[in-house]
Amino acid sequence: MKYICYFVFFALGVLQFACTQEEENVLFPDGTEIPKWFSDVTKVKLEDLGTPYKITDFGVVKDSTVLQTAVIQKTIDEAHDQGGGVIVIPKGTYLSGALFFKPNTHLYLTEGAVLKGSDNIEDYPNIPSRIEGQSIDYFSALVNAYHVDGFTISGKGTINGNGLKYWKAFWQRREENPQCTNLEVSRPRLVFIWNSDNVQVQDVSLINSGFWSSHYYQCNNVKILDLHISSPHEPIKAPSTDAIDLDVCSNVLIKGCYMAVNDDAIALKGGKGPWADTDTNNGENTNIIIEDCNFGFCHAALTCGSESLHNKNIVMRNCTVNQAKRLLWLKMRPDTPQKYEFITVENIKGRANSMIYVKPWTQFFDLKGRSDVPLSYSENITLRNIELECEVFFDIAITEYDHLSNFTFDNLKITTNNSDYDKDVIKGLTLRNVMVNDKLID
């Protein structure tokens, strides 16, 4: 009878686990259903993108030393004027400044093709833009798509930001003024997609950006599939080369990507400043799934901030980290009202300096005359099924203006040089099967 009872108990446990796993797959952290859209990872095909416009058929020459912005842009304009099509970059290296894609146009890079950015900032017009949580005039990116619903970038080729000159200029300025901001040194992003829905970027390599590698602002329904995004952290550091910046976006799938950059791999942004929540240019990021990705060197695999207002229903799962300084970084900015909620990081293996890092972000702090300090909240944060080597397990230190509540650590196996933790900094910290240096903690 004892064995029968044990078998029934075991079977119920397996059933409960299976149901939990099923819920994890179909529900966001707040309990709402994940749309089937997230399960469709069908790749776009060249033949389905309309008439092909091979740039070398329209006057572009195979010479990597010749700036060919005007001719490539003319090809894009021709495709748009003729009802749309796909701009094909053939094998070879082609030097260009800022390119602007228009409705019904796409970009395809053939394997062996390199679209290389000019290292002269004058080749990137200063126009109304969005950068660092501000809607201001700024330099355009190498690849720009504004109000281009259905825009795609595909192919096995490379977009190379050619950023060395910009990096050197930044570090020179930092030597002159250690407090200089990112915007004091003029640098272009690699890809900027603004106010465009149903976007898909797949298979390409984004490397050596002068500034952020890819930036999506006010976009809905974005799929980022199997990208290779990299910039060096040595011997010369490529400053602020975030792999993917999501800025006021909803319904985003990031899947199968490799990211190794000298800043945050995936950063959720949305605005900054003491009254940022009243600015209609700002907003929230919601329903973001990051899965099956591999992270090399980065300041954090997933970061909320530093220009961030509200992030909700964020899932990172089934990923590997290697050389990340932090697995999850919650930047609590004391001059900005913030709320990070319903964030789950699960099924992770690898190594990071810190598993979770939650501290005030005081760089360039500015209340702009506001008398009170805005409050920041992080709640319903779950870390589950994680096997990690790290220097610091619980890297959390907050102020009276930061409120943390309802954190869950579930089924963690952590090897660390610093196993200290303070449950009192979080209102409602649940620990379930958390092994730190082979010791169960509670």
Protein backbone atom coordinates (compact mmCIF):
# COMPACT_ATOMS: atom_id res chain seq x y z
CA MET A 1 0.00 0.00 0.00
CA LYS A 2 2.89 2.34 0.85
CA TYR A 3 4.36 1.94 -2.65
CA ILE A 4 1.01 2.53 -4.31
CA CYS A 5 0.61 5.78 -2.37
CA TYR A 6 4.13 6.83 -3.28
CA PHE A 7 3.47 6.11 -6.94
CA VAL A 8 0.26 8.15 -6.86
CA PHE A 9 2.07 11.04 -5.15
CA PHE A 10 4.90 10.88 -7.68
CA ALA A 11 2.49 10.75 -10.60
CA LEU A 12 0.58 13.75 -9.28
CA GLY A 13 3.87 15.61 -8.92
CA VAL A 14 4.81 14.86 -12.51
CA LEU A 15 1.37 15.93 -13.68
CA GLN A 16 1.61 19.16 -11.69
CA PHE A 17 5.08 19.84 -13.15
CA ALA A 18 3.80 19.18 -16.67
CA CYS A 19 0.89 21.54 -16.14
CA THR A 20 3.22 24.19 -14.76
CA GLN A 21 5.47 23.86 -17.78
CA GLU A 22 2.47 24.14 -20.08
CA GLU A 23 1.34 27.29 -18.27
CA GLU A 24 4.82 28.75 -18.64
CA ASN A 25 4.66 28.20 -22.36
CA VAL A 26 1.24 29.75 -22.93
CA LEU A 27 0.95 32.48 -20.30
CA PHE A 28 2.76 35.74 -19.71
CA PRO A 29 3.92 36.38 -16.13
CA ASP A 30 0.75 38.33 -15.33
CA GLY A 31 -1.36 35.32 -16.32
CA THR A 32 -2.60 36.58 -19.67
CA GLU A 33 -2.38 34.29 -22.67
CA ILE A 34 0.63 34.48 -24.97
CA PRO A 35 -0.72 34.94 -28.52
CA LYS A 36 0.08 32.25 -31.08
CA TRP A 37 1.90 34.96 -33.05
CA PHE A 38 4.93 34.35 -30.80
CA SER A 39 5.13 30.70 -31.88
CA ASP A 40 5.31 31.46 -35.59
CA VAL A 41 8.98 31.83 -36.53
CA THR A 42 8.52 31.46 -40.27
CA LYS A 43 11.33 33.20 -42.11
CA VAL A 44 10.62 35.72 -44.85
CA LYS A 45 11.78 34.58 -48.29
CA LEU A 46 13.45 36.74 -50.90
CA GLU A 47 11.00 35.70 -53.57
CA ASP A 48 8.08 36.89 -51.44
CA LEU A 49 9.38 40.44 -51.00
CA GLY A 50 8.41 41.79 -54.40
CA THR A 51 10.56 42.95 -57.30
CA PRO A 52 14.29 42.60 -56.56
CA TYR A 53 16.41 45.72 -57.04
CA LYS A 54 20.03 44.60 -57.13
CA ILE A 55 22.05 47.72 -56.37
CA THR A 56 24.78 46.92 -58.89
CA ASP A 57 22.15 46.99 -61.63
CA PHE A 58 21.38 50.59 -60.73
CA GLY A 59 24.83 52.15 -60.86
CA VAL A 60 26.48 50.97 -57.64
CA VAL A 61 30.06 49.86 -58.26
CA LYS A 62 31.98 47.10 -56.52
CA ASP A 63 34.50 49.32 -54.81
CA SER A 64 34.61 49.38 -51.01
CA THR A 65 36.42 52.75 -50.97
CA VAL A 66 33.76 54.71 -52.88
CA LEU A 67 30.94 56.31 -50.90
CA GLN A 68 27.72 55.28 -52.66
CA THR A 69 24.96 56.63 -50.44
CA ALA A 70 23.22 58.62 -53.19
CA VAL A 71 23.11 55.75 -55.69
CA ILE A 72 21.83 53.23 -53.15
CA GLN A 73 19.21 55.71 -51.93
CA LYS A 74 18.13 56.33 -55.51
CA THR A 75 17.60 52.57 -55.87
CA ILE A 76 15.41 52.54 -52.76
CA ASP A 77 13.42 55.51 -54.07
CA GLU A 78 12.97 53.81 -57.45
CA ALA A 79 11.66 50.66 -55.79
CA HIS A 80 9.20 52.71 -53.76
CA ASP A 81 8.04 54.72 -56.78
CA GLN A 82 7.40 51.51 -58.72
CA GLY A 83 5.16 50.10 -56.00
CA GLY A 84 7.75 48.47 -53.75
CA GLY A 85 10.34 45.73 -53.76
CA VAL A 86 13.48 44.44 -52.09
CA ILE A 87 16.86 46.15 -52.24
CA VAL A 88 19.43 43.40 -52.79
CA ILE A 89 23.03 43.90 -51.69
CA PRO A 90 25.15 41.40 -53.66
CA LYS A 91 28.40 39.83 -52.53
CA GLY A 92 31.05 42.47 -51.91
CA THR A 93 31.60 45.50 -49.66
CA TYR A 94 29.66 48.72 -50.30
CA LEU A 95 30.35 51.95 -48.41
CA SER A 96 27.40 54.15 -47.52
CA GLY A 97 26.05 56.83 -45.23
CA ALA A 98 22.47 56.99 -43.95
CA LEU A 99 19.87 55.13 -46.02
CA PHE A 100 16.13 55.66 -45.63
CA PHE A 101 13.76 52.85 -46.51
CA LYS A 102 10.24 53.70 -47.57
CA PRO A 103 6.88 51.91 -47.44
CA ASN A 104 6.83 48.58 -49.28
CA THR A 105 10.63 48.40 -49.51
CA HIS A 106 12.87 45.81 -47.84
CA LEU A 107 16.57 45.10 -47.42
CA TYR A 108 18.24 41.81 -48.34
CA LEU A 109 21.95 41.13 -47.91
CA THR A 110 23.31 38.21 -49.90
CA GLU A 111 25.76 35.92 -48.11
CA GLY A 112 29.15 37.59 -48.44
CA ALA A 113 27.61 41.05 -48.81
CA VAL A 114 28.72 43.86 -46.50
CA LEU A 115 26.91 47.17 -46.18
CA LYS A 116 29.62 49.24 -44.54
CA GLY A 117 28.93 52.50 -42.78
CA SER A 118 30.90 55.64 -43.45
CA ASP A 119 33.08 56.80 -40.56
CA ASN A 120 32.34 60.43 -41.43
CA ILE A 121 29.47 61.70 -39.28
CA GLU A 122 28.57 64.24 -41.98
CA ASP A 123 27.18 61.30 -43.97
CA TYR A 124 24.40 60.88 -41.37
CA PRO A 125 21.92 63.79 -41.44
CA ASN A 126 20.92 65.35 -38.13
CA ILE A 127 17.13 65.09 -38.12
CA PRO A 128 14.22 64.63 -35.67
CA SER A 129 14.93 61.37 -33.91
CA ARG A 130 14.91 59.48 -30.64
CA ILE A 131 17.93 58.74 -28.50
CA GLU A 132 18.57 57.98 -24.82
CA GLY A 133 14.92 58.39 -23.86
CA GLN A 134 14.62 61.79 -25.53
CA SER A 135 12.82 62.89 -28.69
CA ILE A 136 15.39 65.30 -30.11
CA ASP A 137 17.29 65.98 -33.28
CA TYR A 138 20.06 63.43 -33.66
CA PHE A 139 22.16 61.74 -36.32
CA SER A 140 20.36 59.18 -38.45
CA ALA A 141 21.45 55.56 -38.45
CA LEU A 142 23.04 53.67 -41.32
CA VAL A 143 19.75 51.82 -41.99
CA ASN A 144 16.58 53.79 -41.19
CA ALA A 145 12.92 52.84 -41.55
CA TYR A 146 10.33 55.40 -40.41
CA HIS A 147 6.65 54.49 -40.74
CA VAL A 148 7.45 51.40 -42.81
CA ASP A 149 4.94 48.74 -41.74
CA GLY A 150 5.98 45.25 -42.77
CA PHE A 151 9.64 46.23 -43.13
CA THR A 152 12.13 43.35 -43.25
CA ILE A 153 15.89 42.93 -43.18
CA SER A 154 17.04 39.48 -44.21
CA GLY A 155 19.81 37.47 -45.81
CA LYS A 156 23.12 36.06 -44.58
CA GLY A 157 25.13 39.23 -45.14
CA THR A 158 26.54 41.84 -42.77
CA ILE A 159 25.82 45.41 -41.79
CA ASN A 160 29.11 46.80 -40.51
CA GLY A 161 29.13 50.09 -38.64
CA ASN A 162 32.85 50.67 -39.18
CA GLY A 163 32.88 52.22 -35.72
CA LEU A 164 36.58 52.42 -34.81
CA LYS A 165 36.95 56.14 -35.51
CA TYR A 166 33.84 56.91 -33.42
CA TRP A 167 35.04 54.77 -30.52
CA LYS A 168 38.42 56.47 -30.44
CA ALA A 169 36.76 59.90 -30.50
CA PHE A 170 34.55 58.94 -27.56
CA TRP A 171 37.39 57.71 -25.37
CA GLN A 172 39.45 60.77 -26.25
CA ARG A 173 36.57 62.95 -25.07
CA ARG A 174 36.25 60.89 -21.88
CA GLU A 175 39.91 61.55 -21.15
CA GLU A 176 39.27 65.26 -21.57
CA ASN A 177 36.07 65.18 -19.50
CA PRO A 178 35.28 62.02 -17.49
CA GLN A 179 31.71 63.30 -17.02
CA CYS A 180 30.93 63.70 -20.70
CA THR A 181 27.65 62.24 -21.89
CA ASN A 182 27.15 59.83 -24.77
CA LEU A 183 25.68 62.60 -26.89
CA GLU A 184 28.76 64.83 -26.68
CA VAL A 185 30.52 62.68 -29.26
CA SER A 186 28.62 62.40 -32.54
CA ARG A 187 28.07 58.75 -33.43
CA PRO A 188 25.53 56.95 -35.63
CA ARG A 189 23.51 53.88 -34.78
CA LEU A 190 23.53 50.90 -37.11
CA VAL A 191 19.78 50.25 -37.47
CA PHE A 192 16.90 52.51 -36.36
CA ILE A 193 13.28 51.47 -36.96
CA TRP A 194 10.62 53.96 -35.84
CA ASN A 195 6.84 53.71 -35.68
CA SER A 196 6.72 50.60 -37.83
CA ASP A 197 4.57 47.54 -37.18
CA ASN A 198 4.96 43.92 -38.28
CA VAL A 199 8.73 44.17 -38.64
CA GLN A 200 11.02 41.17 -39.10
CA VAL A 201 14.82 41.21 -38.95
CA GLN A 202 16.47 37.83 -39.51
CA ASP A 203 19.77 36.04 -40.12
CA VAL A 204 22.00 39.08 -40.72
CA SER A 205 25.09 40.09 -38.76
CA LEU A 206 25.19 43.53 -37.17
CA ILE A 207 28.75 44.40 -36.19
CA ASN A 208 30.99 47.25 -35.07
CA SER A 209 28.31 49.88 -34.61
CA GLY A 210 29.38 53.42 -33.78
CA PHE A 211 26.61 53.66 -31.17
CA TRP A 212 23.60 51.41 -30.46
CA SER A 213 23.53 48.41 -32.78
CA SER A 214 19.77 48.29 -33.30
CA HIS A 215 17.03 50.53 -31.96
CA TYR A 216 13.27 49.95 -32.25
CA TYR A 217 11.06 52.85 -31.21
CA GLN A 218 7.26 52.84 -31.07
CA CYS A 219 7.04 49.52 -32.92
CA ASN A 220 4.52 46.71 -32.51
CA ASN A 221 4.80 43.08 -33.57
CA VAL A 222 8.54 42.79 -34.10
CA LYS A 223 10.41 39.51 -34.69
CA ILE A 224 14.19 39.46 -34.38
CA LEU A 225 15.40 36.02 -35.42
CA ASP A 226 18.85 34.42 -35.55
CA LEU A 227 20.91 37.59 -35.62
CA HIS A 228 24.61 37.82 -34.81
CA ILE A 229 25.26 41.14 -33.08
CA SER A 230 28.75 41.99 -31.92
CA SER A 231 31.16 44.79 -31.13
CA PRO A 232 34.47 44.55 -29.28
CA HIS A 233 35.16 45.10 -25.60
CA GLU A 234 38.91 44.83 -26.18
CA PRO A 235 41.50 45.98 -27.11
CA ILE A 236 39.45 49.11 -27.85
CA LYS A 237 36.05 49.17 -26.19
CA ALA A 238 33.12 49.99 -28.45
CA PRO A 239 31.13 52.29 -26.13
CA SER A 240 27.34 52.11 -25.84
CA THR A 241 26.93 49.51 -28.57
CA ASP A 242 23.80 47.89 -27.09
CA ALA A 243 22.74 44.93 -29.22
CA ILE A 244 18.97 45.53 -29.12
CA ASP A 245 17.20 48.57 -27.66
CA LEU A 246 13.43 48.31 -27.34
CA ASP A 247 11.89 51.73 -26.79
CA VAL A 248 8.10 51.91 -26.31
CA CYS A 249 7.45 48.61 -28.09
CA SER A 250 4.88 45.85 -27.67
CA ASN A 251 4.76 42.25 -28.83
CA VAL A 252 8.42 41.54 -29.55
CA LEU A 253 10.06 38.16 -30.09
CA ILE A 254 13.84 37.89 -29.91
CA LYS A 255 14.86 34.33 -30.73
CA GLY A 256 18.02 32.43 -31.58
CA CYS A 257 20.32 35.46 -31.48
CA TYR A 258 23.97 35.73 -30.46
CA MET A 259 24.88 38.98 -28.74
CA ALA A 260 28.32 40.11 -27.53
CA VAL A 261 28.72 43.87 -27.16
CA ASN A 262 30.41 46.44 -24.96
CA ASP A 263 27.20 47.48 -23.21
CA ASP A 264 23.81 45.92 -22.53
CA ALA A 265 22.74 43.11 -24.82
CA ILE A 266 18.99 43.78 -24.59
CA ALA A 267 17.91 47.07 -23.02
CA LEU A 268 14.32 48.12 -22.42
CA LYS A 269 13.90 51.87 -22.70
CA GLY A 270 10.99 54.30 -22.84
CA GLY A 271 11.88 57.73 -21.48
CA LYS A 272 13.65 59.49 -18.65
CA GLY A 273 13.29 62.52 -16.42
CA PRO A 274 11.14 63.63 -13.47
CA TRP A 275 8.06 64.19 -15.65
CA ALA A 276 8.77 61.53 -18.28
CA ASP A 277 5.46 59.78 -17.62
CA THR A 278 3.55 62.85 -18.87
CA ASP A 279 5.38 63.01 -22.21
CA THR A 280 3.39 61.31 -24.98
CA ASN A 281 6.61 60.46 -26.81
CA ASN A 282 7.45 58.09 -23.97
CA GLY A 283 5.77 54.89 -22.88
CA GLU A 284 5.95 51.26 -21.90
CA ASN A 285 7.38 48.03 -23.25
CA THR A 286 4.96 45.13 -22.98
CA ASN A 287 4.83 41.48 -24.02
CA ILE A 288 8.49 40.82 -24.79
CA ILE A 289 9.83 37.25 -25.20
CA ILE A 290 13.56 36.53 -25.45
CA GLU A 291 14.38 32.87 -26.00
CA ASP A 292 17.04 30.46 -27.25
CA CYS A 293 19.68 33.19 -27.27
CA ASN A 294 23.39 33.06 -26.47
CA PHE A 295 25.08 35.98 -24.72
CA GLY A 296 28.82 36.63 -24.85
CA PHE A 297 30.47 39.62 -23.20
CA CYS A 298 27.94 42.28 -22.25
CA HIS A 299 27.18 44.57 -19.35
CA ALA A 300 23.92 42.67 -18.86
CA ALA A 301 21.98 40.09 -20.79
CA LEU A 302 18.68 41.82 -19.96
CA THR A 303 18.43 45.37 -18.62
CA CYS A 304 15.50 47.53 -17.60
CA GLY A 305 16.75 51.11 -17.96
CA SER A 306 18.45 53.40 -17.73
CA GLU A 307 15.85 55.34 -19.73
CA SER A 308 12.82 53.29 -18.80
CA LEU A 309 9.35 54.01 -17.40
CA HIS A 310 7.24 50.86 -17.43
CA ASN A 311 8.16 47.34 -18.50
CA LYS A 312 5.56 44.59 -18.16
CA ASN A 313 5.32 40.94 -19.19
CA ILE A 314 8.96 40.36 -20.02
CA VAL A 315 10.15 36.77 -20.43
CA MET A 316 13.73 35.61 -21.01
CA ARG A 317 14.07 31.84 -21.24
CA ASN A 318 16.15 28.95 -22.54
CA CYS A 319 19.31 31.03 -22.90
CA THR A 320 23.02 30.67 -22.24
CA VAL A 321 25.20 33.42 -20.81
CA ASN A 322 28.97 33.62 -20.95
CA GLN A 323 31.01 36.60 -19.71
CA ALA A 324 27.94 38.70 -18.96
CA LYS A 325 28.55 41.15 -16.14
CA ARG A 326 24.95 40.70 -15.04
CA LEU A 327 22.17 38.28 -15.93
CA LEU A 328 19.31 40.62 -14.98
CA TRP A 329 19.88 44.33 -14.29
CA LEU A 330 17.14 46.55 -12.93
CA LYS A 331 18.36 50.15 -13.12
CA MET A 332 16.48 52.19 -10.54
CA ARG A 333 16.78 55.76 -11.79
CA PRO A 334 16.11 58.24 -8.95
CA ASP A 335 15.11 61.11 -11.24
CA THR A 336 12.48 59.10 -13.16
CA PRO A 337 9.20 57.43 -12.08
CA GLN A 338 9.61 53.74 -12.96
CA LYS A 339 7.74 50.48 -12.70
CA TYR A 340 9.17 47.10 -13.69
CA GLU A 341 6.68 44.30 -13.25
CA PHE A 342 5.93 40.72 -14.24
CA ILE A 343 9.41 39.83 -15.40
CA THR A 344 10.48 36.19 -15.59
CA VAL A 345 13.98 34.88 -16.32
CA GLU A 346 14.03 31.09 -16.55
CA ASN A 347 15.92 28.09 -17.86
CA ILE A 348 19.30 29.81 -17.95
CA LYS A 349 22.79 28.32 -17.78
CA GLY A 350 26.25 29.83 -17.81
CA ARG A 351 28.32 32.45 -16.08
CA ALA A 352 27.84 36.09 -15.06
CA ASN A 353 29.46 38.39 -12.55
CA SER A 354 26.08 39.03 -10.86
CA MET A 355 22.92 36.95 -11.10
CA ILE A 356 20.61 39.87 -10.30
CA TYR A 357 21.72 43.48 -9.95
CA VAL A 358 19.34 46.09 -8.55
CA LYS A 359 20.82 49.46 -7.60
CA PRO A 360 20.15 53.16 -8.17
CA TRP A 361 21.37 54.48 -11.52
CA THR A 362 22.70 57.92 -10.66
CA GLN A 363 24.74 58.77 -13.74
CA PHE A 364 23.64 62.18 -15.05
CA PHE A 365 21.02 62.46 -12.28
CA ASP A 366 18.84 65.55 -12.82
CA LEU A 367 15.54 66.38 -11.11
CA LYS A 368 15.18 69.48 -13.34
CA GLY A 369 13.77 71.51 -10.46
CA ARG A 370 11.27 68.91 -9.21
CA SER A 371 11.09 69.16 -5.42
CA ASP A 372 10.27 65.54 -4.63
CA VAL A 373 12.11 62.42 -5.79
CA PRO A 374 10.04 60.11 -8.05
CA LEU A 375 9.56 56.58 -6.74
CA SER A 376 10.61 53.44 -8.57
CA TYR A 377 8.96 50.03 -8.23
CA SER A 378 10.00 46.52 -9.17
CA GLU A 379 7.50 43.79 -8.45
CA ASN A 380 6.55 40.27 -9.45
CA ILE A 381 10.07 39.40 -10.59
CA THR A 382 10.80 35.67 -10.99
CA LEU A 383 14.11 33.87 -11.53
CA ARG A 384 13.52 30.17 -12.11
CA ASN A 385 15.46 27.10 -13.22
CA ILE A 386 18.86 28.78 -13.34
CA GLU A 387 22.27 27.12 -13.09
CA LEU A 388 24.87 29.84 -12.86
CA GLU A 389 28.44 30.53 -11.83
CA CYS A 390 28.79 34.09 -10.57
CA GLU A 391 30.90 36.34 -8.41
CA VAL A 392 27.88 37.83 -6.62
CA PHE A 393 24.60 36.02 -6.08
CA PHE A 394 22.39 38.80 -4.67
CA ASP A 395 23.73 42.16 -5.90
CA ILE A 396 20.99 44.40 -4.52
CA ALA A 397 21.31 47.69 -2.65
CA ILE A 398 18.45 50.18 -2.76
CA THR A 399 17.40 53.54 -1.33
CA GLU A 400 14.20 54.75 0.31
CA TYR A 401 12.92 55.70 -3.15
CA ASP A 402 13.16 52.15 -4.53
CA HIS A 403 10.43 49.65 -3.69
CA LEU A 404 10.94 45.94 -4.40
CA SER A 405 8.17 43.42 -3.79
CA ASN A 406 7.09 39.90 -4.65
CA PHE A 407 10.33 38.43 -5.97
CA THR A 408 10.55 34.66 -6.44
CA PHE A 409 13.74 32.59 -6.72
CA ASP A 410 12.74 29.09 -7.74
CA ASN A 411 14.97 26.08 -8.41
CA LEU A 412 18.32 27.86 -8.58
CA LYS A 413 21.74 26.20 -8.48
CA ILE A 414 24.30 28.91 -7.90
CA THR A 415 28.06 28.71 -7.45
CA THR A 416 29.39 32.03 -6.19
CA ASN A 417 32.21 33.80 -4.39
CA ASN A 418 29.70 35.99 -2.56
CA SER A 419 26.68 34.14 -1.23
CA ASP A 420 25.34 36.93 1.00
CA TYR A 421 21.71 37.91 0.65
CA ASP A 422 19.34 40.19 2.53
CA LYS A 423 15.68 39.22 2.36
CA ASP A 424 14.65 42.43 4.07
CA VAL A 425 15.34 44.63 1.03
CA ILE A 426 12.46 42.92 -0.79
CA LYS A 427 8.92 42.91 0.55
CA GLY A 428 7.93 39.33 -0.10
CA LEU A 429 10.92 37.30 -1.29
CA THR A 430 10.05 33.67 -1.89
CA LEU A 431 12.88 31.12 -2.03
CA ARG A 432 12.09 27.62 -3.32
CA ASN A 433 14.80 25.03 -3.78
CA VAL A 434 17.58 27.61 -3.98
CA MET A 435 21.01 25.98 -3.72
CA VAL A 436 23.93 28.35 -3.23
CA ASN A 437 27.33 26.66 -3.10
CA ASP A 438 25.54 23.35 -2.57
CA LYS A 439 23.67 24.70 0.44
CA LEU A 440 19.89 25.09 0.54
CA ILE A 441 18.96 28.64 1.64
CA ASP A 442 15.69 30.00 2.94
